[in-house]
Amino acid sequence: MRLITITGIEHYFGQEIFRPGQTLILKKDLDNSYDSEAIQAELETGVKVGYVANSIHTVARGSHSAGRIYEIINDRQPVKILCILYNCVIAELDL
């Protein structure tokens, strides 16, 4: 089991739309000019809700950064939300 941190949620819909057990889809953001390893998180409907953290300032302790999982995830990788924190979501990546 690998844990990931989904950050930037406050720039989209905030924490109110998430619930434990909910499935999100990870998708590589190939057009991201700021981060060549950017992975966006989407609802199952395709609506973007944040990004997998990829900075020492945003990756929660004990979770993997986008850079650590970028090469091993599928094009549309499902993850399950474990918990919702103030400014991020912790999800389980089952590979």
C-alpha atoms as a PDB file:
ATOM      1  CA  MET A   1       0.000   0.000   0.000  1.00  0.00           C
ATOM      2  CA  ARG A   2       1.277   3.452  -0.929  1.00  0.00           C
ATOM      3  CA  LEU A   3      -0.135   6.656   0.511  1.00  0.00           C
ATOM      4  CA  ILE A   4      -0.258   9.916  -1.433  1.00  0.00           C
ATOM      5  CA  THR A   5      -1.147  13.483  -0.521  1.00  0.00           C
ATOM      6  CA  ILE A   6      -3.550  15.390  -2.743  1.00  0.00           C
ATOM      7  CA  THR A   7      -2.985  19.082  -2.349  1.00  0.00           C
ATOM      8  CA  GLY A   8      -4.271  22.302  -3.856  1.00  0.00           C
ATOM      9  CA  ILE A   9      -7.844  21.356  -3.027  1.00  0.00           C
ATOM     10  CA  GLU A  10      -8.546  24.880  -1.783  1.00  0.00           C
ATOM     11  CA  HIS A  11      -8.031  26.144  -5.357  1.00  0.00           C
ATOM     12  CA  TYR A  12     -10.886  23.975  -6.632  1.00  0.00           C
ATOM     13  CA  PHE A  13     -13.815  22.940  -4.410  1.00  0.00           C
ATOM     14  CA  GLY A  14     -12.272  22.694  -0.945  1.00  0.00           C
ATOM     15  CA  GLN A  15     -12.525  19.713   1.375  1.00  0.00           C
ATOM     16  CA  GLU A  16     -16.324  19.577   1.503  1.00  0.00           C
ATOM     17  CA  ILE A  17     -16.668  17.440  -1.641  1.00  0.00           C
ATOM     18  CA  PHE A  18     -14.511  14.576  -0.322  1.00  0.00           C
ATOM     19  CA  ARG A  19     -15.439  11.618   1.873  1.00  0.00           C
ATOM     20  CA  PRO A  20     -13.483   8.590   3.159  1.00  0.00           C
ATOM     21  CA  GLY A  21     -13.790   5.629   0.789  1.00  0.00           C
ATOM     22  CA  GLN A  22     -14.435   7.847  -2.225  1.00  0.00           C
ATOM     23  CA  THR A  23     -12.582   6.961  -5.427  1.00  0.00           C
ATOM     24  CA  LEU A  24     -10.535   9.589  -7.232  1.00  0.00           C
ATOM     25  CA  ILE A  25      -8.724   9.180 -10.539  1.00  0.00           C
ATOM     26  CA  LEU A  26      -5.086  10.187 -10.962  1.00  0.00           C
ATOM     27  CA  LYS A  27      -4.077  11.430 -14.391  1.00  0.00           C
ATOM     28  CA  LYS A  28      -0.665  12.671 -15.548  1.00  0.00           C
ATOM     29  CA  ASP A  29      -0.829  16.364 -16.461  1.00  0.00           C
ATOM     30  CA  LEU A  30       1.326  16.273 -19.585  1.00  0.00           C
ATOM     31  CA  ASP A  31       0.731  19.966 -20.371  1.00  0.00           C
ATOM     32  CA  ASN A  32       1.910  21.280 -16.990  1.00  0.00           C
ATOM     33  CA  SER A  33       4.682  23.828 -17.631  1.00  0.00           C
ATOM     34  CA  TYR A  34       5.600  24.095 -13.919  1.00  0.00           C
ATOM     35  CA  ASP A  35       6.110  20.428 -13.031  1.00  0.00           C
ATOM     36  CA  SER A  36       7.145  17.709 -15.487  1.00  0.00           C
ATOM     37  CA  GLU A  37       5.896  15.069 -13.009  1.00  0.00           C
ATOM     38  CA  ALA A  38       2.532  16.703 -12.286  1.00  0.00           C
ATOM     39  CA  ILE A  39      -0.332  14.329 -11.561  1.00  0.00           C
ATOM     40  CA  GLN A  40      -3.817  15.746 -11.252  1.00  0.00           C
ATOM     41  CA  ALA A  41      -6.581  14.224  -9.163  1.00  0.00           C
ATOM     42  CA  GLU A  42     -10.080  14.095 -10.593  1.00  0.00           C
ATOM     43  CA  LEU A  43     -13.519  12.996  -9.493  1.00  0.00           C
ATOM     44  CA  GLU A  44     -14.792   9.952 -11.375  1.00  0.00           C
ATOM     45  CA  THR A  45     -16.760  12.411 -13.529  1.00  0.00           C
ATOM     46  CA  GLY A  46     -13.494  13.939 -14.784  1.00  0.00           C
ATOM     47  CA  VAL A  47     -13.603  17.177 -12.758  1.00  0.00           C
ATOM     48  CA  LYS A  48     -10.160  18.249 -11.499  1.00  0.00           C
ATOM     49  CA  VAL A  49      -9.991  18.638  -7.692  1.00  0.00           C
ATOM     50  CA  GLY A  50      -6.265  18.949  -6.958  1.00  0.00           C
ATOM     51  CA  TYR A  51      -2.786  17.545  -7.566  1.00  0.00           C
ATOM     52  CA  VAL A  52      -0.612  14.859  -6.045  1.00  0.00           C
ATOM     53  CA  ALA A  53       1.851  16.736  -3.830  1.00  0.00           C
ATOM     54  CA  ASN A  54       5.368  16.946  -5.213  1.00  0.00           C
ATOM     55  CA  SER A  55       7.197  19.272  -2.833  1.00  0.00           C
ATOM     56  CA  ILE A  56       8.804  18.759   0.559  1.00  0.00           C
ATOM     57  CA  HIS A  57       6.452  21.499   1.754  1.00  0.00           C
ATOM     58  CA  THR A  58       3.249  19.728   0.667  1.00  0.00           C
ATOM     59  CA  VAL A  59       3.898  15.970   0.841  1.00  0.00           C
ATOM     60  CA  ALA A  60       2.495  14.664   4.124  1.00  0.00           C
ATOM     61  CA  ARG A  61       4.920  12.634   6.206  1.00  0.00           C
ATOM     62  CA  GLY A  62       4.739   8.956   5.293  1.00  0.00           C
ATOM     63  CA  SER A  63       3.240   9.532   1.856  1.00  0.00           C
ATOM     64  CA  HIS A  64       4.790   9.403  -1.608  1.00  0.00           C
ATOM     65  CA  SER A  65       5.350  12.407  -3.855  1.00  0.00           C
ATOM     66  CA  ALA A  66       4.182  12.624  -7.464  1.00  0.00           C
ATOM     67  CA  GLY A  67       7.787  12.115  -8.551  1.00  0.00           C
ATOM     68  CA  ARG A  68       7.975   8.794  -6.692  1.00  0.00           C
ATOM     69  CA  ILE A  69       4.867   7.364  -8.393  1.00  0.00           C
ATOM     70  CA  TYR A  70       4.889   9.106 -11.791  1.00  0.00           C
ATOM     71  CA  GLU A  71       6.453   6.227 -13.751  1.00  0.00           C
ATOM     72  CA  ILE A  72       4.453   3.448 -12.073  1.00  0.00           C
ATOM     73  CA  ILE A  73       0.869   4.691 -12.371  1.00  0.00           C
ATOM     74  CA  ASN A  74      -1.488   3.922 -15.231  1.00  0.00           C
ATOM     75  CA  ASP A  75      -2.969   6.593 -17.493  1.00  0.00           C
ATOM     76  CA  ARG A  76      -6.080   6.675 -15.312  1.00  0.00           C
ATOM     77  CA  GLN A  77      -5.129   5.357 -11.887  1.00  0.00           C
ATOM     78  CA  PRO A  78      -7.870   5.003  -9.253  1.00  0.00           C
ATOM     79  CA  VAL A  79      -7.121   5.816  -5.608  1.00  0.00           C
ATOM     80  CA  LYS A  80      -9.270   5.614  -2.468  1.00  0.00           C
ATOM     81  CA  ILE A  81      -9.530   8.477  -0.011  1.00  0.00           C
ATOM     82  CA  LEU A  82      -8.541   7.484   3.517  1.00  0.00           C
ATOM     83  CA  CYS A  83      -8.904  10.825   5.294  1.00  0.00           C
ATOM     84  CA  ILE A  84      -9.532  14.488   4.685  1.00  0.00           C
ATOM     85  CA  LEU A  85      -7.407  17.089   6.436  1.00  0.00           C
ATOM     86  CA  TYR A  86      -7.672  20.867   6.535  1.00  0.00           C
ATOM     87  CA  ASN A  87      -5.827  21.546   3.280  1.00  0.00           C
ATOM     88  CA  CYS A  88      -5.167  18.123   1.763  1.00  0.00           C
ATOM     89  CA  VAL A  89      -6.495  14.620   1.241  1.00  0.00           C
ATOM     90  CA  ILE A  90      -4.641  11.395   2.031  1.00  0.00           C
ATOM     91  CA  ALA A  91      -5.404   8.582  -0.401  1.00  0.00           C
ATOM     92  CA  GLU A  92      -4.311   4.992  -0.895  1.00  0.00           C
ATOM     93  CA  LEU A  93      -2.656   3.960  -4.141  1.00  0.00           C
ATOM     94  CA  ASP A  94      -2.963   0.220  -4.571  1.00  0.00           C
ATOM     95  CA  LEU A  95      -0.417  -1.044  -7.101  1.00  0.00           C
END
